[in-house]
Amino acid sequence: MAREIDELRQLFAGQPRPASWAERRQRMDEICALDPPPDDVVFSPVDLEGLPAEWSLAPGSDPARVLLYFHGGGYCSGSIRSHRAMVGALGRQAGIRTLAIGYRLAPEHPYPAALEDALTAWRFLRAQGYAAPSIAIRGDSAGGNLTLATLVALREAGEEMPAAAWLVSPWTDLTMGGATLDSKAAVDPLISREYLDGLAHAFLARRDARDPAVSPLFADLAGLPPTLVQVGSSEALLDDAVGIARALGAAEVPVVLEVWPQMIHAWMVWAARLADGRAGLARAAGWLRAQFALRTG
């Protein structure tokens, strides 16, 4: 385990951080797509009112249950391509269909563009005949933020909740109040306070970072569905994950928090080369199947 994660750290450390948004997006697509998608998973593009999206379905999976996936990237990078291998693998593990979306990115499209796109994807699934209990939502990093924002928006609109939410390395506090942003700085090869400050500035576009709409840590979380939170112990965003799990629990939301020793930010993206990445996906897939069974039988 230690050797695998050390090799991944060395790979990231050998590449200087790009400056422009175009370079950042290109690099994220490259480093997150180090390994090819599973050979047996079928990926099918779909257009959701101009929003690019992609279905995936593995042989033997249940197409009547779907995981709506929001990629990470600080709301400024990331794509369907960057997370395709992981999305295909997790769909196969859980035995369900997935729908990944390419939501609009900041700074060209700051808040609330991503949330609007997430709600478009939700409405698309409902129009396709998926009942809310047959849908789960999953996101990593900023995608975890977007997952929570989407759930709060659905609750406020009086809509039925999905079966479950699954957060991986979620970025939940855009005020950067977590102590681990500093205490884990030396061991996190991907995330830093300075880096997040730039992303938040681009995404917020002068909106107050304490606004619950952009920092779910400060939101009213009552009524949200059962939630699984997974985070690595070597993450600068460890406090964001622990904090949101605490807030969910305080709001009487059933929540499971897993802290994976030595793992880095969004480590399951590299599950093909990390044993703990595969184990994390398998653990979550089993939890997700159980949540679907509770809601749909």
C-alpha atoms as a PDB file:
ATOM      1  CA  MET A   1       0.000   0.000   0.000  1.00  0.00           C
ATOM      2  CA  ALA A   2       2.727   2.467   1.016  1.00  0.00           C
ATOM      3  CA  ARG A   3       4.733   1.736  -2.129  1.00  0.00           C
ATOM      4  CA  GLU A   4       1.728   2.298  -4.393  1.00  0.00           C
ATOM      5  CA  ILE A   5       0.799   5.629  -2.874  1.00  0.00           C
ATOM      6  CA  ASP A   6       4.438   6.767  -2.788  1.00  0.00           C
ATOM      7  CA  GLU A   7       4.788   6.040  -6.508  1.00  0.00           C
ATOM      8  CA  LEU A   8       1.691   8.128  -7.180  1.00  0.00           C
ATOM      9  CA  ARG A   9       3.040  10.971  -5.049  1.00  0.00           C
ATOM     10  CA  GLN A  10       6.314  10.938  -6.989  1.00  0.00           C
ATOM     11  CA  LEU A  11       4.409  11.065 -10.258  1.00  0.00           C
ATOM     12  CA  PHE A  12       2.545  14.207  -9.176  1.00  0.00           C
ATOM     13  CA  ALA A  13       5.600  15.830  -7.600  1.00  0.00           C
ATOM     14  CA  GLY A  14       7.514  15.575 -10.872  1.00  0.00           C
ATOM     15  CA  GLN A  15       5.088  17.873 -12.678  1.00  0.00           C
ATOM     16  CA  PRO A  16       5.047  21.650 -12.058  1.00  0.00           C
ATOM     17  CA  ARG A  17       1.653  23.198 -11.347  1.00  0.00           C
ATOM     18  CA  PRO A  18       0.343  24.820 -14.546  1.00  0.00           C
ATOM     19  CA  ALA A  19      -0.647  28.493 -14.559  1.00  0.00           C
ATOM     20  CA  SER A  20      -3.449  29.072 -17.090  1.00  0.00           C
ATOM     21  CA  TRP A  21      -6.933  27.589 -16.837  1.00  0.00           C
ATOM     22  CA  ALA A  22      -6.448  25.759 -20.135  1.00  0.00           C
ATOM     23  CA  GLU A  23      -3.220  24.205 -18.881  1.00  0.00           C
ATOM     24  CA  ARG A  24      -4.809  23.238 -15.572  1.00  0.00           C
ATOM     25  CA  ARG A  25      -7.702  21.542 -17.331  1.00  0.00           C
ATOM     26  CA  GLN A  26      -5.410  19.681 -19.683  1.00  0.00           C
ATOM     27  CA  ARG A  27      -3.227  18.497 -16.823  1.00  0.00           C
ATOM     28  CA  MET A  28      -6.185  17.286 -14.772  1.00  0.00           C
ATOM     29  CA  ASP A  29      -7.511  15.323 -17.712  1.00  0.00           C
ATOM     30  CA  GLU A  30      -4.071  13.773 -18.123  1.00  0.00           C
ATOM     31  CA  ILE A  31      -3.287  12.861 -14.508  1.00  0.00           C
ATOM     32  CA  CYS A  32      -6.785  11.609 -13.708  1.00  0.00           C
ATOM     33  CA  ALA A  33      -6.932   9.499 -16.859  1.00  0.00           C
ATOM     34  CA  LEU A  34      -3.633   7.681 -16.358  1.00  0.00           C
ATOM     35  CA  ASP A  35      -5.417   4.361 -16.716  1.00  0.00           C
ATOM     36  CA  PRO A  36      -7.949   3.381 -19.397  1.00  0.00           C
ATOM     37  CA  PRO A  37     -11.616   2.730 -18.604  1.00  0.00           C
ATOM     38  CA  PRO A  38     -12.737  -0.878 -18.050  1.00  0.00           C
ATOM     39  CA  ASP A  39     -12.944  -2.782 -21.331  1.00  0.00           C
ATOM     40  CA  ASP A  40     -16.347  -4.285 -20.632  1.00  0.00           C
ATOM     41  CA  VAL A  41     -18.154  -1.041 -19.789  1.00  0.00           C
ATOM     42  CA  VAL A  42     -20.180   0.648 -22.530  1.00  0.00           C
ATOM     43  CA  PHE A  43     -19.996   4.462 -22.536  1.00  0.00           C
ATOM     44  CA  SER A  44     -22.677   6.377 -24.427  1.00  0.00           C
ATOM     45  CA  PRO A  45     -22.727  10.169 -24.885  1.00  0.00           C
ATOM     46  CA  VAL A  46     -25.987  12.026 -24.398  1.00  0.00           C
ATOM     47  CA  ASP A  47     -26.975  15.691 -24.745  1.00  0.00           C
ATOM     48  CA  LEU A  48     -29.072  17.153 -21.930  1.00  0.00           C
ATOM     49  CA  GLU A  49     -30.423  20.405 -23.331  1.00  0.00           C
ATOM     50  CA  GLY A  50     -26.905  21.379 -24.406  1.00  0.00           C
ATOM     51  CA  LEU A  51     -25.242  19.883 -21.323  1.00  0.00           C
ATOM     52  CA  PRO A  52     -22.768  17.117 -22.256  1.00  0.00           C
ATOM     53  CA  ALA A  53     -23.248  13.885 -20.341  1.00  0.00           C
ATOM     54  CA  GLU A  54     -22.282  10.231 -20.600  1.00  0.00           C
ATOM     55  CA  TRP A  55     -24.017   7.023 -19.630  1.00  0.00           C
ATOM     56  CA  SER A  56     -22.010   3.974 -18.582  1.00  0.00           C
ATOM     57  CA  LEU A  57     -23.278   0.437 -18.151  1.00  0.00           C
ATOM     58  CA  ALA A  58     -21.361  -2.751 -17.417  1.00  0.00           C
ATOM     59  CA  PRO A  59     -22.596  -6.221 -18.389  1.00  0.00           C
ATOM     60  CA  GLY A  60     -25.052  -7.569 -15.834  1.00  0.00           C
ATOM     61  CA  SER A  61     -25.684  -4.187 -14.214  1.00  0.00           C
ATOM     62  CA  ASP A  62     -29.182  -2.987 -13.407  1.00  0.00           C
ATOM     63  CA  PRO A  63     -30.148  -0.169 -15.807  1.00  0.00           C
ATOM     64  CA  ALA A  64     -33.140   0.686 -13.608  1.00  0.00           C
ATOM     65  CA  ARG A  65     -30.856   2.151 -10.918  1.00  0.00           C
ATOM     66  CA  VAL A  66     -28.522   5.019 -11.677  1.00  0.00           C
ATOM     67  CA  LEU A  67     -25.711   6.945 -10.029  1.00  0.00           C
ATOM     68  CA  LEU A  68     -25.563  10.620 -11.036  1.00  0.00           C
ATOM     69  CA  TYR A  69     -21.894  11.636 -10.949  1.00  0.00           C
ATOM     70  CA  PHE A  70     -20.342  15.088 -10.447  1.00  0.00           C
ATOM     71  CA  HIS A  71     -16.580  15.250 -11.070  1.00  0.00           C
ATOM     72  CA  GLY A  72     -14.073  17.198  -8.981  1.00  0.00           C
ATOM     73  CA  GLY A  73     -11.668  19.904 -10.068  1.00  0.00           C
ATOM     74  CA  GLY A  74     -12.443  22.883  -7.843  1.00  0.00           C
ATOM     75  CA  TYR A  75     -15.334  23.936 -10.102  1.00  0.00           C
ATOM     76  CA  CYS A  76     -12.669  25.115 -12.577  1.00  0.00           C
ATOM     77  CA  SER A  77     -11.373  21.902 -14.166  1.00  0.00           C
ATOM     78  CA  GLY A  78     -12.210  18.230 -14.466  1.00  0.00           C
ATOM     79  CA  SER A  79     -14.409  16.621 -17.083  1.00  0.00           C
ATOM     80  CA  ILE A  80     -16.250  13.505 -18.133  1.00  0.00           C
ATOM     81  CA  ARG A  81     -12.963  12.277 -19.616  1.00  0.00           C
ATOM     82  CA  SER A  82     -10.883  12.858 -16.490  1.00  0.00           C
ATOM     83  CA  HIS A  83     -13.129  10.661 -14.333  1.00  0.00           C
ATOM     84  CA  ARG A  84     -14.368   8.161 -16.943  1.00  0.00           C
ATOM     85  CA  ALA A  85     -12.277   5.192 -15.754  1.00  0.00           C
ATOM     86  CA  MET A  86     -13.387   5.567 -12.144  1.00  0.00           C
ATOM     87  CA  VAL A  87     -17.035   6.196 -13.011  1.00  0.00           C
ATOM     88  CA  GLY A  88     -17.095   3.071 -15.166  1.00  0.00           C
ATOM     89  CA  ALA A  89     -15.414   1.017 -12.438  1.00  0.00           C
ATOM     90  CA  LEU A  90     -17.740   2.178  -9.666  1.00  0.00           C
ATOM     91  CA  GLY A  91     -20.823   1.558 -11.794  1.00  0.00           C
ATOM     92  CA  ARG A  92     -19.629  -1.972 -12.465  1.00  0.00           C
ATOM     93  CA  GLN A  93     -18.825  -2.523  -8.765  1.00  0.00           C
ATOM     94  CA  ALA A  94     -22.263  -1.335  -7.670  1.00  0.00           C
ATOM     95  CA  GLY A  95     -24.036  -3.128 -10.522  1.00  0.00           C
ATOM     96  CA  ILE A  96     -25.882  -0.002 -11.681  1.00  0.00           C
ATOM     97  CA  ARG A  97     -25.946   2.499 -14.514  1.00  0.00           C
ATOM     98  CA  THR A  98     -24.087   5.808 -14.189  1.00  0.00           C
ATOM     99  CA  LEU A  99     -24.631   9.257 -15.660  1.00  0.00           C
ATOM    100  CA  ALA A 100     -21.652  11.646 -15.553  1.00  0.00           C
ATOM    101  CA  ILE A 101     -22.135  15.274 -16.556  1.00  0.00           C
ATOM    102  CA  GLY A 102     -19.755  17.897 -17.906  1.00  0.00           C
ATOM    103  CA  TYR A 103     -21.093  20.882 -15.980  1.00  0.00           C
ATOM    104  CA  ARG A 104     -19.973  24.409 -16.878  1.00  0.00           C
ATOM    105  CA  LEU A 105     -16.735  25.563 -15.287  1.00  0.00           C
ATOM    106  CA  ALA A 106     -15.529  28.768 -13.623  1.00  0.00           C
ATOM    107  CA  PRO A 107     -14.195  31.345 -14.101  1.00  0.00           C
ATOM    108  CA  GLU A 108     -16.124  31.528 -17.374  1.00  0.00           C
ATOM    109  CA  HIS A 109     -19.207  30.188 -15.621  1.00  0.00           C
ATOM    110  CA  PRO A 110     -19.134  30.942 -11.861  1.00  0.00           C
ATOM    111  CA  TYR A 111     -21.822  30.064  -9.329  1.00  0.00           C
ATOM    112  CA  PRO A 112     -24.636  29.087  -9.897  1.00  0.00           C
ATOM    113  CA  ALA A 113     -23.883  27.591 -13.348  1.00  0.00           C
ATOM    114  CA  ALA A 114     -22.741  24.185 -12.040  1.00  0.00           C
ATOM    115  CA  LEU A 115     -25.776  23.880  -9.771  1.00  0.00           C
ATOM    116  CA  GLU A 116     -28.111  24.774 -12.627  1.00  0.00           C
ATOM    117  CA  ASP A 117     -26.493  22.030 -14.719  1.00  0.00           C
ATOM    118  CA  ALA A 118     -26.754  19.507 -11.876  1.00  0.00           C
ATOM    119  CA  LEU A 119     -30.464  20.211 -11.570  1.00  0.00           C
ATOM    120  CA  THR A 120     -30.829  19.853 -15.345  1.00  0.00           C
ATOM    121  CA  ALA A 121     -29.319  16.370 -15.046  1.00  0.00           C
ATOM    122  CA  TRP A 122     -31.692  15.498 -12.191  1.00  0.00           C
ATOM    123  CA  ARG A 123     -34.717  16.633 -14.193  1.00  0.00           C
ATOM    124  CA  PHE A 124     -33.469  14.615 -17.166  1.00  0.00           C
ATOM    125  CA  LEU A 125     -33.308  11.436 -15.088  1.00  0.00           C
ATOM    126  CA  ARG A 126     -36.774  11.998 -13.681  1.00  0.00           C
ATOM    127  CA  ALA A 127     -38.115  12.634 -17.205  1.00  0.00           C
ATOM    128  CA  GLN A 128     -36.518   9.363 -18.297  1.00  0.00           C
ATOM    129  CA  GLY A 129     -38.719   7.582 -15.777  1.00  0.00           C
ATOM    130  CA  TYR A 130     -36.270   7.139 -12.893  1.00  0.00           C
ATOM    131  CA  ALA A 131     -38.014   7.463  -9.539  1.00  0.00           C
ATOM    132  CA  ALA A 132     -36.051   9.358  -6.888  1.00  0.00           C
ATOM    133  CA  PRO A 133     -35.431   6.169  -4.812  1.00  0.00           C
ATOM    134  CA  SER A 134     -33.749   4.642  -7.896  1.00  0.00           C
ATOM    135  CA  ILE A 135     -31.176   7.452  -8.096  1.00  0.00           C
ATOM    136  CA  ALA A 136     -28.070   8.108  -6.000  1.00  0.00           C
ATOM    137  CA  ILE A 137     -25.726  11.085  -6.331  1.00  0.00           C
ATOM    138  CA  ARG A 138     -21.959  10.950  -5.974  1.00  0.00           C
ATOM    139  CA  GLY A 139     -19.248  13.589  -6.230  1.00  0.00           C
ATOM    140  CA  ASP A 140     -15.588  14.008  -5.353  1.00  0.00           C
ATOM    141  CA  SER A 141     -13.949  17.232  -4.122  1.00  0.00           C
ATOM    142  CA  ALA A 142     -15.926  20.133  -5.662  1.00  0.00           C
ATOM    143  CA  GLY A 143     -18.269  17.454  -6.973  1.00  0.00           C
ATOM    144  CA  GLY A 144     -19.021  16.595  -3.354  1.00  0.00           C
ATOM    145  CA  ASN A 145     -19.854  20.248  -2.749  1.00  0.00           C
ATOM    146  CA  LEU A 146     -22.127  20.174  -5.796  1.00  0.00           C
ATOM    147  CA  THR A 147     -23.792  16.976  -4.580  1.00  0.00           C
ATOM    148  CA  LEU A 148     -24.762  18.634  -1.314  1.00  0.00           C
ATOM    149  CA  ALA A 149     -25.869  21.856  -3.016  1.00  0.00           C
ATOM    150  CA  THR A 150     -28.074  19.838  -5.354  1.00  0.00           C
ATOM    151  CA  LEU A 151     -29.661  17.914  -2.495  1.00  0.00           C
ATOM    152  CA  VAL A 152     -30.410  21.105  -0.550  1.00  0.00           C
ATOM    153  CA  ALA A 153     -31.956  22.680  -3.663  1.00  0.00           C
ATOM    154  CA  LEU A 154     -34.129  19.619  -4.234  1.00  0.00           C
ATOM    155  CA  ARG A 155     -35.281  19.613  -0.615  1.00  0.00           C
ATOM    156  CA  GLU A 156     -36.129  23.315  -0.743  1.00  0.00           C
ATOM    157  CA  ALA A 157     -38.142  22.691  -3.909  1.00  0.00           C
ATOM    158  CA  GLY A 158     -40.128  20.027  -2.096  1.00  0.00           C
ATOM    159  CA  GLU A 159     -38.816  17.187  -4.247  1.00  0.00           C
ATOM    160  CA  GLU A 160     -38.372  13.617  -3.070  1.00  0.00           C
ATOM    161  CA  MET A 161     -34.832  12.781  -2.073  1.00  0.00           C
ATOM    162  CA  PRO A 162     -32.661  10.268  -3.965  1.00  0.00           C
ATOM    163  CA  ALA A 163     -31.776   6.977  -2.299  1.00  0.00           C
ATOM    164  CA  ALA A 164     -28.337   8.075  -1.123  1.00  0.00           C
ATOM    165  CA  ALA A 165     -25.433  10.502  -1.431  1.00  0.00           C
ATOM    166  CA  TRP A 166     -21.775   9.498  -1.663  1.00  0.00           C
ATOM    167  CA  LEU A 167     -19.084  12.109  -0.997  1.00  0.00           C
ATOM    168  CA  VAL A 168     -15.390  11.514  -1.657  1.00  0.00           C
ATOM    169  CA  SER A 169     -12.840  14.064  -0.395  1.00  0.00           C
ATOM    170  CA  PRO A 170     -15.558  16.759  -0.390  1.00  0.00           C
ATOM    171  CA  TRP A 171     -14.704  20.467  -0.432  1.00  0.00           C
ATOM    172  CA  THR A 172     -17.383  21.809   1.895  1.00  0.00           C
ATOM    173  CA  ASP A 173     -15.961  25.012   3.410  1.00  0.00           C
ATOM    174  CA  LEU A 174     -14.924  27.693   0.920  1.00  0.00           C
ATOM    175  CA  THR A 175     -13.862  29.971   3.781  1.00  0.00           C
ATOM    176  CA  MET A 176     -10.853  27.592   4.126  1.00  0.00           C
ATOM    177  CA  GLY A 177     -11.457  27.224   7.848  1.00  0.00           C
ATOM    178  CA  GLY A 178     -10.159  23.669   8.153  1.00  0.00           C
ATOM    179  CA  ALA A 179      -6.975  23.270  10.207  1.00  0.00           C
ATOM    180  CA  THR A 180      -5.791  20.392   8.015  1.00  0.00           C
ATOM    181  CA  LEU A 181      -5.279  22.813   5.128  1.00  0.00           C
ATOM    182  CA  ASP A 182      -2.097  23.696   7.016  1.00  0.00           C
ATOM    183  CA  SER A 183      -1.354  20.599   9.102  1.00  0.00           C
ATOM    184  CA  LYS A 184      -1.540  18.269   6.070  1.00  0.00           C
ATOM    185  CA  ALA A 185       0.142  20.633   3.607  1.00  0.00           C
ATOM    186  CA  ALA A 186       3.407  18.674   3.629  1.00  0.00           C
ATOM    187  CA  VAL A 187       1.757  15.340   2.811  1.00  0.00           C
ATOM    188  CA  ASP A 188      -0.957  16.380   0.332  1.00  0.00           C
ATOM    189  CA  PRO A 189       0.580  16.409  -3.175  1.00  0.00           C
ATOM    190  CA  LEU A 190      -2.509  17.844  -4.887  1.00  0.00           C
ATOM    191  CA  ILE A 191      -4.281  20.406  -2.715  1.00  0.00           C
ATOM    192  CA  SER A 192      -2.943  23.539  -1.022  1.00  0.00           C
ATOM    193  CA  ARG A 193      -4.511  26.585   0.614  1.00  0.00           C
ATOM    194  CA  GLU A 194      -3.132  28.875  -2.108  1.00  0.00           C
ATOM    195  CA  TYR A 195      -4.485  26.629  -4.851  1.00  0.00           C
ATOM    196  CA  LEU A 196      -7.954  26.490  -3.280  1.00  0.00           C
ATOM    197  CA  ASP A 197      -8.001  30.251  -2.725  1.00  0.00           C
ATOM    198  CA  GLY A 198      -7.610  30.756  -6.474  1.00  0.00           C
ATOM    199  CA  LEU A 199     -10.336  28.253  -7.279  1.00  0.00           C
ATOM    200  CA  ALA A 200     -12.744  29.749  -4.767  1.00  0.00           C
ATOM    201  CA  HIS A 201     -12.133  33.259  -6.086  1.00  0.00           C
ATOM    202  CA  ALA A 202     -12.953  32.105  -9.624  1.00  0.00           C
ATOM    203  CA  PHE A 203     -16.045  30.165  -8.612  1.00  0.00           C
ATOM    204  CA  LEU A 204     -17.531  32.631  -6.124  1.00  0.00           C
ATOM    205  CA  ALA A 205     -17.254  35.737  -8.300  1.00  0.00           C
ATOM    206  CA  ARG A 206     -17.536  38.004  -5.235  1.00  0.00           C
ATOM    207  CA  ARG A 207     -20.161  35.860  -3.492  1.00  0.00           C
ATOM    208  CA  ASP A 208     -19.626  35.482   0.270  1.00  0.00           C
ATOM    209  CA  ALA A 209     -17.771  32.222   0.944  1.00  0.00           C
ATOM    210  CA  ARG A 210     -19.856  31.713   4.096  1.00  0.00           C
ATOM    211  CA  ASP A 211     -23.054  31.562   2.053  1.00  0.00           C
ATOM    212  CA  PRO A 212     -24.523  28.074   2.685  1.00  0.00           C
ATOM    213  CA  ALA A 213     -25.297  27.828  -1.033  1.00  0.00           C
ATOM    214  CA  VAL A 214     -21.567  27.583  -1.787  1.00  0.00           C
ATOM    215  CA  SER A 215     -20.239  26.228   1.533  1.00  0.00           C
ATOM    216  CA  PRO A 216     -22.507  23.309   2.507  1.00  0.00           C
ATOM    217  CA  LEU A 217     -20.773  23.045   5.879  1.00  0.00           C
ATOM    218  CA  PHE A 218     -22.920  26.010   6.937  1.00  0.00           C
ATOM    219  CA  ALA A 219     -26.166  24.820   5.312  1.00  0.00           C
ATOM    220  CA  ASP A 220     -29.294  23.386   6.889  1.00  0.00           C
ATOM    221  CA  LEU A 221     -28.780  19.695   6.074  1.00  0.00           C
ATOM    222  CA  ALA A 222     -31.945  18.308   7.662  1.00  0.00           C
ATOM    223  CA  GLY A 223     -33.871  15.877   5.499  1.00  0.00           C
ATOM    224  CA  LEU A 224     -31.002  14.867   3.250  1.00  0.00           C
ATOM    225  CA  PRO A 225     -30.665  11.180   2.321  1.00  0.00           C
ATOM    226  CA  PRO A 226     -28.245   8.684   3.922  1.00  0.00           C
ATOM    227  CA  THR A 227     -24.714   9.780   3.120  1.00  0.00           C
ATOM    228  CA  LEU A 228     -21.346   8.039   2.879  1.00  0.00           C
ATOM    229  CA  VAL A 229     -18.283  10.267   3.324  1.00  0.00           C
ATOM    230  CA  GLN A 230     -14.870   8.863   2.340  1.00  0.00           C
ATOM    231  CA  VAL A 231     -11.614  10.783   2.780  1.00  0.00           C
ATOM    232  CA  GLY A 232      -7.888  10.081   2.985  1.00  0.00           C
ATOM    233  CA  SER A 233      -5.872  10.798   6.126  1.00  0.00           C
ATOM    234  CA  SER A 234      -3.235  12.633   4.046  1.00  0.00           C
ATOM    235  CA  GLU A 235      -5.635  15.216   2.648  1.00  0.00           C
ATOM    236  CA  ALA A 236      -5.628  18.943   3.213  1.00  0.00           C
ATOM    237  CA  LEU A 237      -9.435  18.665   3.014  1.00  0.00           C
ATOM    238  CA  LEU A 238      -9.650  16.097   5.819  1.00  0.00           C
ATOM    239  CA  ASP A 239     -11.336  18.641   8.097  1.00  0.00           C
ATOM    240  CA  ASP A 240     -13.886  19.474   5.381  1.00  0.00           C
ATOM    241  CA  ALA A 241     -14.931  15.822   5.245  1.00  0.00           C
ATOM    242  CA  VAL A 242     -14.979  15.292   9.000  1.00  0.00           C
ATOM    243  CA  GLY A 243     -16.840  18.567   9.479  1.00  0.00           C
ATOM    244  CA  ILE A 244     -19.579  17.754   6.994  1.00  0.00           C
ATOM    245  CA  ALA A 245     -20.034  14.289   8.491  1.00  0.00           C
ATOM    246  CA  ARG A 246     -20.459  15.914  11.908  1.00  0.00           C
ATOM    247  CA  ALA A 247     -22.916  18.466  10.505  1.00  0.00           C
ATOM    248  CA  LEU A 248     -24.948  15.776   8.748  1.00  0.00           C
ATOM    249  CA  GLY A 249     -25.111  13.717  11.913  1.00  0.00           C
ATOM    250  CA  ALA A 250     -26.171  16.738  13.952  1.00  0.00           C
ATOM    251  CA  ALA A 251     -28.983  17.268  11.415  1.00  0.00           C
ATOM    252  CA  GLU A 252     -30.192  13.682  12.031  1.00  0.00           C
ATOM    253  CA  VAL A 253     -29.018  12.493   8.607  1.00  0.00           C
ATOM    254  CA  PRO A 254     -27.767   8.870   8.624  1.00  0.00           C
ATOM    255  CA  VAL A 255     -24.069   9.250   7.831  1.00  0.00           C
ATOM    256  CA  VAL A 256     -21.028   6.986   7.596  1.00  0.00           C
ATOM    257  CA  LEU A 257     -17.530   8.519   7.722  1.00  0.00           C
ATOM    258  CA  GLU A 258     -14.493   6.555   6.521  1.00  0.00           C
ATOM    259  CA  VAL A 259     -10.956   7.922   6.897  1.00  0.00           C
ATOM    260  CA  TRP A 260      -8.504   5.877   4.825  1.00  0.00           C
ATOM    261  CA  PRO A 261      -4.921   5.848   6.202  1.00  0.00           C
ATOM    262  CA  GLN A 262      -2.199   7.325   3.949  1.00  0.00           C
ATOM    263  CA  MET A 263      -4.616   8.017   1.113  1.00  0.00           C
ATOM    264  CA  ILE A 264      -4.449  11.286  -0.798  1.00  0.00           C
ATOM    265  CA  HIS A 265      -7.103  13.535  -2.292  1.00  0.00           C
ATOM    266  CA  ALA A 266      -9.684  11.636  -4.382  1.00  0.00           C
ATOM    267  CA  TRP A 267      -7.446   8.552  -4.358  1.00  0.00           C
ATOM    268  CA  MET A 268     -10.141   6.334  -5.894  1.00  0.00           C
ATOM    269  CA  VAL A 269      -9.612   8.115  -9.214  1.00  0.00           C
ATOM    270  CA  TRP A 270      -6.457   5.966  -9.454  1.00  0.00           C
ATOM    271  CA  ALA A 271      -8.083   2.728  -8.280  1.00  0.00           C
ATOM    272  CA  ALA A 272      -6.499   0.785 -11.138  1.00  0.00           C
ATOM    273  CA  ARG A 273      -3.083   1.245  -9.484  1.00  0.00           C
ATOM    274  CA  LEU A 274      -4.099   1.572  -5.805  1.00  0.00           C
ATOM    275  CA  ALA A 275      -5.332  -1.423  -3.816  1.00  0.00           C
ATOM    276  CA  ASP A 276      -7.016   0.940  -1.352  1.00  0.00           C
ATOM    277  CA  GLY A 277      -8.667   2.689  -4.278  1.00  0.00           C
ATOM    278  CA  ARG A 278     -10.275  -0.578  -5.332  1.00  0.00           C
ATOM    279  CA  ALA A 279     -11.149  -1.387  -1.723  1.00  0.00           C
ATOM    280  CA  GLY A 280     -12.760   2.035  -1.277  1.00  0.00           C
ATOM    281  CA  LEU A 281     -14.886   1.565  -4.375  1.00  0.00           C
ATOM    282  CA  ALA A 282     -15.905  -1.939  -3.275  1.00  0.00           C
ATOM    283  CA  ARG A 283     -16.843  -0.761   0.228  1.00  0.00           C
ATOM    284  CA  ALA A 284     -18.917   2.101  -1.154  1.00  0.00           C
ATOM    285  CA  ALA A 285     -20.542  -0.088  -3.802  1.00  0.00           C
ATOM    286  CA  GLY A 286     -21.774  -2.478  -1.114  1.00  0.00           C
ATOM    287  CA  TRP A 287     -23.129   0.422   0.941  1.00  0.00           C
ATOM    288  CA  LEU A 288     -24.847   1.866  -2.117  1.00  0.00           C
ATOM    289  CA  ARG A 289     -26.521  -1.436  -2.990  1.00  0.00           C
ATOM    290  CA  ALA A 290     -27.836  -1.632   0.566  1.00  0.00           C
ATOM    291  CA  GLN A 291     -29.309   1.894   0.334  1.00  0.00           C
ATOM    292  CA  PHE A 292     -31.066   1.079  -2.935  1.00  0.00           C
ATOM    293  CA  ALA A 293     -32.461  -2.105  -1.406  1.00  0.00           C
ATOM    294  CA  LEU A 294     -33.849  -0.141   1.545  1.00  0.00           C
ATOM    295  CA  ARG A 295     -35.609   2.347  -0.742  1.00  0.00           C
ATOM    296  CA  THR A 296     -36.712   0.174  -3.661  1.00  0.00           C
ATOM    297  CA  GLY A 297     -36.637  -3.404  -2.359  1.00  0.00           C
END
